[in-house]
């Protein structure tokens, strides 16, 4: 039987996995806290479309479905 050579753990891969797990936990906590995440859009100048991330009702529903 062949012996497997010792493989050292890749620290970059482990750091990525820790970061991904931390981001998931942070998202779950943010959704579970009342009043922290609001699904209401702010009233303001609607002439420009908003750029970037927006928490919309269907995204909030998805977050709720992923928590436990």
PDB file of N, CA and C in Angstrom:
ATOM      1  N   UNK A   1       0.834  -1.166   0.000  1.00  0.00           N
ATOM      2  CA  UNK A   1       0.000   0.000   0.000  1.00  0.00           C
ATOM      3  C   UNK A   1       0.887   1.241   0.000  1.00  0.00           C
ATOM      4  N   UNK A   2       0.524   2.230  -0.795  1.00  0.00           N
ATOM      5  CA  UNK A   2       1.310   3.459  -0.860  1.00  0.00           C
ATOM      6  C   UNK A   2       0.927   4.389   0.279  1.00  0.00           C
ATOM      7  N   UNK A   3       1.935   5.017   0.830  1.00  0.00           N
ATOM      8  CA  UNK A   3       1.670   6.011   1.866  1.00  0.00           C
ATOM      9  C   UNK A   3       1.501   7.366   1.200  1.00  0.00           C
ATOM     10  N   UNK A   4       0.575   8.147   1.712  1.00  0.00           N
ATOM     11  CA  UNK A   4       0.363   9.490   1.188  1.00  0.00           C
ATOM     12  C   UNK A   4       1.410  10.425   1.766  1.00  0.00           C
ATOM     13  N   UNK A   5       1.965  11.264   0.944  1.00  0.00           N
ATOM     14  CA  UNK A   5       2.922  12.244   1.475  1.00  0.00           C
ATOM     15  C   UNK A   5       2.191  13.273   2.343  1.00  0.00           C
ATOM     16  N   UNK A   6       2.885  13.735   3.344  1.00  0.00           N
ATOM     17  CA  UNK A   6       2.294  14.750   4.223  1.00  0.00           C
ATOM     18  C   UNK A   6       2.026  16.021   3.428  1.00  0.00           C
ATOM     19  N   UNK A   7       0.824  16.529   3.539  1.00  0.00           N
ATOM     20  CA  UNK A   7       0.463  17.764   2.854  1.00  0.00           C
ATOM     21  C   UNK A   7       0.251  18.843   3.903  1.00  0.00           C
ATOM     22  N   UNK A   8       0.882  19.960   3.693  1.00  0.00           N
ATOM     23  CA  UNK A   8       0.677  21.051   4.632  1.00  0.00           C
ATOM     24  C   UNK A   8      -0.606  21.788   4.267  1.00  0.00           C
ATOM     25  N   UNK A   9      -1.289  22.290   5.279  1.00  0.00           N
ATOM     26  CA  UNK A   9      -2.535  23.016   5.057  1.00  0.00           C
ATOM     27  C   UNK A   9      -2.242  24.358   4.408  1.00  0.00           C
ATOM     28  N   UNK A  10      -3.092  24.748   3.496  1.00  0.00           N
ATOM     29  CA  UNK A  10      -2.930  26.015   2.807  1.00  0.00           C
ATOM     30  C   UNK A  10      -3.547  27.119   3.674  1.00  0.00           C
ATOM     31  N   UNK A  11      -2.762  28.023   4.255  1.00  0.00           N
ATOM     32  CA  UNK A  11      -3.308  29.049   5.146  1.00  0.00           C
ATOM     33  C   UNK A  11      -4.240  30.019   4.440  1.00  0.00           C
ATOM     34  N   UNK A  12      -4.017  30.278   3.148  1.00  0.00           N
ATOM     35  CA  UNK A  12      -4.913  31.180   2.423  1.00  0.00           C
ATOM     36  C   UNK A  12      -6.302  30.578   2.292  1.00  0.00           C
ATOM     37  N   UNK A  13      -6.363  29.293   2.037  1.00  0.00           N
ATOM     38  CA  UNK A  13      -7.659  28.621   1.896  1.00  0.00           C
ATOM     39  C   UNK A  13      -8.406  28.627   3.225  1.00  0.00           C
ATOM     40  N   UNK A  14      -7.690  28.371   4.289  1.00  0.00           N
ATOM     41  CA  UNK A  14      -8.336  28.373   5.598  1.00  0.00           C
ATOM     42  C   UNK A  14      -8.835  29.759   5.975  1.00  0.00           C
ATOM     43  N   UNK A  15      -8.073  30.788   5.655  1.00  0.00           N
ATOM     44  CA  UNK A  15      -8.505  32.152   5.948  1.00  0.00           C
ATOM     45  C   UNK A  15      -9.754  32.497   5.157  1.00  0.00           C
ATOM     46  N   UNK A  16      -9.809  32.058   3.907  1.00  0.00           N
ATOM     47  CA  UNK A  16     -11.000  32.299   3.091  1.00  0.00           C
ATOM     48  C   UNK A  16     -12.219  31.621   3.695  1.00  0.00           C
ATOM     49  N   UNK A  17     -12.070  30.370   4.112  1.00  0.00           N
ATOM     50  CA  UNK A  17     -13.189  29.639   4.682  1.00  0.00           C
ATOM     51  C   UNK A  17     -13.663  30.270   5.997  1.00  0.00           C
ATOM     52  N   UNK A  18     -12.720  30.737   6.824  1.00  0.00           N
ATOM     53  CA  UNK A  18     -13.112  31.421   8.063  1.00  0.00           C
ATOM     54  C   UNK A  18     -13.867  32.706   7.744  1.00  0.00           C
ATOM     55  N   UNK A  19     -13.396  33.439   6.748  1.00  0.00           N
ATOM     56  CA  UNK A  19     -14.059  34.676   6.359  1.00  0.00           C
ATOM     57  C   UNK A  19     -15.451  34.436   5.811  1.00  0.00           C
ATOM     58  N   UNK A  20     -15.608  33.394   5.012  1.00  0.00           N
ATOM     59  CA  UNK A  20     -16.920  33.069   4.449  1.00  0.00           C
ATOM     60  C   UNK A  20     -17.894  32.659   5.560  1.00  0.00           C
ATOM     61  N   UNK A  21     -17.418  31.896   6.506  1.00  0.00           N
ATOM     62  CA  UNK A  21     -18.278  31.494   7.622  1.00  0.00           C
ATOM     63  C   UNK A  21     -18.667  32.703   8.461  1.00  0.00           C
ATOM     64  N   UNK A  22     -17.730  33.592   8.691  1.00  0.00           N
ATOM     65  CA  UNK A  22     -18.024  34.795   9.463  1.00  0.00           C
ATOM     66  C   UNK A  22     -19.028  35.691   8.764  1.00  0.00           C
ATOM     67  N   UNK A  23     -18.941  35.790   7.451  1.00  0.00           N
ATOM     68  CA  UNK A  23     -19.887  36.612   6.693  1.00  0.00           C
ATOM     69  C   UNK A  23     -21.289  36.018   6.779  1.00  0.00           C
ATOM     70  N   UNK A  24     -21.396  34.716   6.716  1.00  0.00           N
ATOM     71  CA  UNK A  24     -22.704  34.065   6.831  1.00  0.00           C
ATOM     72  C   UNK A  24     -23.331  34.281   8.186  1.00  0.00           C
ATOM     73  N   UNK A  25     -22.522  34.177   9.218  1.00  0.00           N
ATOM     74  CA  UNK A  25     -23.025  34.405  10.574  1.00  0.00           C
ATOM     75  C   UNK A  25     -23.444  35.864  10.735  1.00  0.00           C
ATOM     76  N   UNK A  26     -22.647  36.781  10.204  1.00  0.00           N
ATOM     77  CA  UNK A  26     -22.986  38.199  10.294  1.00  0.00           C
ATOM     78  C   UNK A  26     -24.288  38.523   9.584  1.00  0.00           C
ATOM     79  N   UNK A  27     -24.526  37.934   8.435  1.00  0.00           N
ATOM     80  CA  UNK A  27     -25.773  38.163   7.706  1.00  0.00           C
ATOM     81  C   UNK A  27     -26.957  37.609   8.476  1.00  0.00           C
ATOM     82  N   UNK A  28     -26.792  36.436   9.077  1.00  0.00           N
ATOM     83  CA  UNK A  28     -27.875  35.841   9.847  1.00  0.00           C
ATOM     84  C   UNK A  28     -28.219  36.693  11.068  1.00  0.00           C
ATOM     85  N   UNK A  29     -27.214  37.224  11.726  1.00  0.00           N
ATOM     86  CA  UNK A  29     -27.451  38.076  12.895  1.00  0.00           C
ATOM     87  C   UNK A  29     -28.117  39.374  12.470  1.00  0.00           C
ATOM     88  N   UNK A  30     -27.688  39.949  11.373  1.00  0.00           N
ATOM     89  CA  UNK A  30     -28.258  41.212  10.905  1.00  0.00           C
ATOM     90  C   UNK A  30     -29.735  41.062  10.563  1.00  0.00           C
ATOM     91  N   UNK A  31     -30.107  39.936  10.003  1.00  0.00           N
ATOM     92  CA  UNK A  31     -31.503  39.716   9.643  1.00  0.00           C
ATOM     93  C   UNK A  31     -32.342  39.425  10.873  1.00  0.00           C
ATOM     94  N   UNK A  32     -31.776  38.750  11.850  1.00  0.00           N
ATOM     95  CA  UNK A  32     -32.565  38.349  13.008  1.00  0.00           C
ATOM     96  C   UNK A  32     -32.806  39.482  13.999  1.00  0.00           C
ATOM     97  N   UNK A  33     -31.986  40.534  13.959  1.00  0.00           N
ATOM     98  CA  UNK A  33     -32.186  41.651  14.873  1.00  0.00           C
ATOM     99  C   UNK A  33     -33.296  42.568  14.369  1.00  0.00           C
ATOM    100  N   UNK A  34     -34.326  42.824  15.189  1.00  0.00           N
ATOM    101  CA  UNK A  34     -35.420  43.684  14.735  1.00  0.00           C
ATOM    102  C   UNK A  34     -34.969  45.141  14.619  1.00  0.00           C
ATOM    103  N   UNK A  35     -35.395  45.791  13.566  1.00  0.00           N
ATOM    104  CA  UNK A  35     -35.097  47.201  13.386  1.00  0.00           C
ATOM    105  C   UNK A  35     -33.743  47.493  12.791  1.00  0.00           C
ATOM    106  N   UNK A  36     -32.866  46.530  12.716  1.00  0.00           N
ATOM    107  CA  UNK A  36     -31.539  46.773  12.160  1.00  0.00           C
ATOM    108  C   UNK A  36     -31.601  46.849  10.641  1.00  0.00           C
ATOM    109  N   UNK A  37     -32.266  45.903  10.042  1.00  0.00           N
ATOM    110  CA  UNK A  37     -32.418  45.899   8.593  1.00  0.00           C
ATOM    111  C   UNK A  37     -33.834  46.340   8.255  1.00  0.00           C
ATOM    112  N   UNK A  38     -33.943  47.341   7.458  1.00  0.00           N
ATOM    113  CA  UNK A  38     -35.250  47.868   7.091  1.00  0.00           C
ATOM    114  C   UNK A  38     -35.510  47.559   5.629  1.00  0.00           C
ATOM    115  N   UNK A  39     -36.722  47.110   5.332  1.00  0.00           N
ATOM    116  CA  UNK A  39     -37.079  46.827   3.950  1.00  0.00           C
ATOM    117  C   UNK A  39     -37.767  48.018   3.301  1.00  0.00           C
ATOM    118  N   UNK A  40     -37.984  49.081   4.055  1.00  0.00           N
ATOM    119  CA  UNK A  40     -38.625  50.259   3.496  1.00  0.00           C
ATOM    120  C   UNK A  40     -37.604  51.099   2.749  1.00  0.00           C
ATOM    121  N   UNK A  41     -38.033  51.633   1.625  1.00  0.00           N
ATOM    122  CA  UNK A  41     -37.156  52.504   0.857  1.00  0.00           C
ATOM    123  C   UNK A  41     -37.255  53.910   1.427  1.00  0.00           C
ATOM    124  N   UNK A  42     -36.156  54.615   1.424  1.00  0.00           N
ATOM    125  CA  UNK A  42     -36.170  55.965   1.952  1.00  0.00           C
ATOM    126  C   UNK A  42     -36.742  56.921   0.924  1.00  0.00           C
ATOM    127  N   UNK A  43     -37.501  57.890   1.414  1.00  0.00           N
ATOM    128  CA  UNK A  43     -38.070  58.897   0.523  1.00  0.00           C
ATOM    129  C   UNK A  43     -36.988  59.920   0.220  1.00  0.00           C
ATOM    130  N   UNK A  44     -36.848  60.248  -1.019  1.00  0.00           N
ATOM    131  CA  UNK A  44     -35.810  61.200  -1.385  1.00  0.00           C
ATOM    132  C   UNK A  44     -35.885  61.513  -2.854  1.00  0.00           C
ATOM    133  N   UNK A  45     -34.796  61.948  -3.404  1.00  0.00           N
ATOM    134  CA  UNK A  45     -34.720  62.296  -4.802  1.00  0.00           C
ATOM    135  C   UNK A  45     -34.706  61.020  -5.629  1.00  0.00           C
ATOM    136  N   UNK A  46     -35.808  60.739  -6.319  1.00  0.00           N
ATOM    137  CA  UNK A  46     -35.919  59.514  -7.108  1.00  0.00           C
ATOM    138  C   UNK A  46     -35.506  59.716  -8.561  1.00  0.00           C
ATOM    139  N   UNK A  47     -34.915  60.869  -8.886  1.00  0.00           N
ATOM    140  CA  UNK A  47     -34.529  61.114 -10.264  1.00  0.00           C
ATOM    141  C   UNK A  47     -33.341  60.244 -10.681  1.00  0.00           C
ATOM    142  N   UNK A  48     -32.465  59.887  -9.736  1.00  0.00           N
ATOM    143  CA  UNK A  48     -31.323  59.022 -10.032  1.00  0.00           C
ATOM    144  C   UNK A  48     -31.591  57.618  -9.498  1.00  0.00           C
ATOM    145  N   UNK A  49     -31.322  56.613 -10.293  1.00  0.00           N
ATOM    146  CA  UNK A  49     -31.449  55.259  -9.744  1.00  0.00           C
ATOM    147  C   UNK A  49     -30.361  55.013  -8.706  1.00  0.00           C
ATOM    148  N   UNK A  50     -30.732  54.291  -7.678  1.00  0.00           N
ATOM    149  CA  UNK A  50     -29.791  54.008  -6.601  1.00  0.00           C
ATOM    150  C   UNK A  50     -28.783  52.963  -7.061  1.00  0.00           C
ATOM    151  N   UNK A  51     -27.516  53.152  -6.704  1.00  0.00           N
ATOM    152  CA  UNK A  51     -26.474  52.194  -7.056  1.00  0.00           C
ATOM    153  C   UNK A  51     -26.122  51.366  -5.838  1.00  0.00           C
ATOM    154  N   UNK A  52     -25.637  50.177  -6.083  1.00  0.00           N
ATOM    155  CA  UNK A  52     -25.162  49.329  -4.993  1.00  0.00           C
ATOM    156  C   UNK A  52     -26.241  48.424  -4.430  1.00  0.00           C
ATOM    157  N   UNK A  53     -25.943  47.876  -3.277  1.00  0.00           N
ATOM    158  CA  UNK A  53     -26.810  46.904  -2.636  1.00  0.00           C
ATOM    159  C   UNK A  53     -28.025  47.573  -2.028  1.00  0.00           C
ATOM    160  N   UNK A  54     -29.203  46.994  -2.258  1.00  0.00           N
ATOM    161  CA  UNK A  54     -30.431  47.445  -1.622  1.00  0.00           C
ATOM    162  C   UNK A  54     -31.141  46.232  -1.046  1.00  0.00           C
ATOM    163  N   UNK A  55     -31.616  46.371   0.168  1.00  0.00           N
ATOM    164  CA  UNK A  55     -32.365  45.285   0.798  1.00  0.00           C
ATOM    165  C   UNK A  55     -33.821  45.429   0.376  1.00  0.00           C
ATOM    166  N   UNK A  56     -34.220  44.601  -0.556  1.00  0.00           N
ATOM    167  CA  UNK A  56     -35.587  44.631  -1.059  1.00  0.00           C
ATOM    168  C   UNK A  56     -36.391  43.542  -0.361  1.00  0.00           C
ATOM    169  N   UNK A  57     -37.721  43.606  -0.452  1.00  0.00           N
ATOM    170  CA  UNK A  57     -38.542  42.589   0.236  1.00  0.00           C
ATOM    171  C   UNK A  57     -38.219  41.149  -0.166  1.00  0.00           C
ATOM    172  N   UNK A  58     -37.941  40.906  -1.445  1.00  0.00           N
ATOM    173  CA  UNK A  58     -37.658  39.519  -1.820  1.00  0.00           C
ATOM    174  C   UNK A  58     -36.295  39.057  -1.309  1.00  0.00           C
ATOM    175  N   UNK A  59     -35.335  39.958  -1.150  1.00  0.00           N
ATOM    176  CA  UNK A  59     -34.041  39.596  -0.574  1.00  0.00           C
ATOM    177  C   UNK A  59     -34.204  39.342   0.925  1.00  0.00           C
ATOM    178  N   UNK A  60     -34.990  40.167   1.606  1.00  0.00           N
ATOM    179  CA  UNK A  60     -35.244  39.955   3.032  1.00  0.00           C
ATOM    180  C   UNK A  60     -35.935  38.614   3.264  1.00  0.00           C
ATOM    181  N   UNK A  61     -36.860  38.255   2.384  1.00  0.00           N
ATOM    182  CA  UNK A  61     -37.541  36.957   2.510  1.00  0.00           C
ATOM    183  C   UNK A  61     -36.549  35.806   2.338  1.00  0.00           C
ATOM    184  N   UNK A  62     -35.597  35.980   1.418  1.00  0.00           N
ATOM    185  CA  UNK A  62     -34.576  34.953   1.236  1.00  0.00           C
ATOM    186  C   UNK A  62     -33.719  34.814   2.491  1.00  0.00           C
ATOM    187  N   UNK A  63     -33.289  35.936   3.064  1.00  0.00           N
ATOM    188  CA  UNK A  63     -32.490  35.878   4.282  1.00  0.00           C
ATOM    189  C   UNK A  63     -33.240  35.175   5.401  1.00  0.00           C
ATOM    190  N   UNK A  64     -34.529  35.457   5.530  1.00  0.00           N
ATOM    191  CA  UNK A  64     -35.325  34.812   6.568  1.00  0.00           C
ATOM    192  C   UNK A  64     -35.426  33.315   6.322  1.00  0.00           C
ATOM    193  N   UNK A  65     -35.458  32.902   5.055  1.00  0.00           N
ATOM    194  CA  UNK A  65     -35.580  31.470   4.747  1.00  0.00           C
ATOM    195  C   UNK A  65     -34.296  30.712   5.031  1.00  0.00           C
ATOM    196  N   UNK A  66     -33.147  31.411   5.041  1.00  0.00           N
ATOM    197  CA  UNK A  66     -31.882  30.728   5.271  1.00  0.00           C
ATOM    198  C   UNK A  66     -31.544  30.587   6.741  1.00  0.00           C
ATOM    199  N   UNK A  67     -32.215  31.318   7.606  1.00  0.00           N
ATOM    200  CA  UNK A  67     -31.934  31.263   9.040  1.00  0.00           C
ATOM    201  C   UNK A  67     -32.807  30.175   9.648  1.00  0.00           C
ATOM    202  N   UNK A  68     -32.165  29.125  10.074  1.00  0.00           N
ATOM    203  CA  UNK A  68     -32.747  28.034  10.814  1.00  0.00           C
ATOM    204  C   UNK A  68     -34.023  27.539  10.350  1.00  0.00           C
TER     205      UNK A  68
END
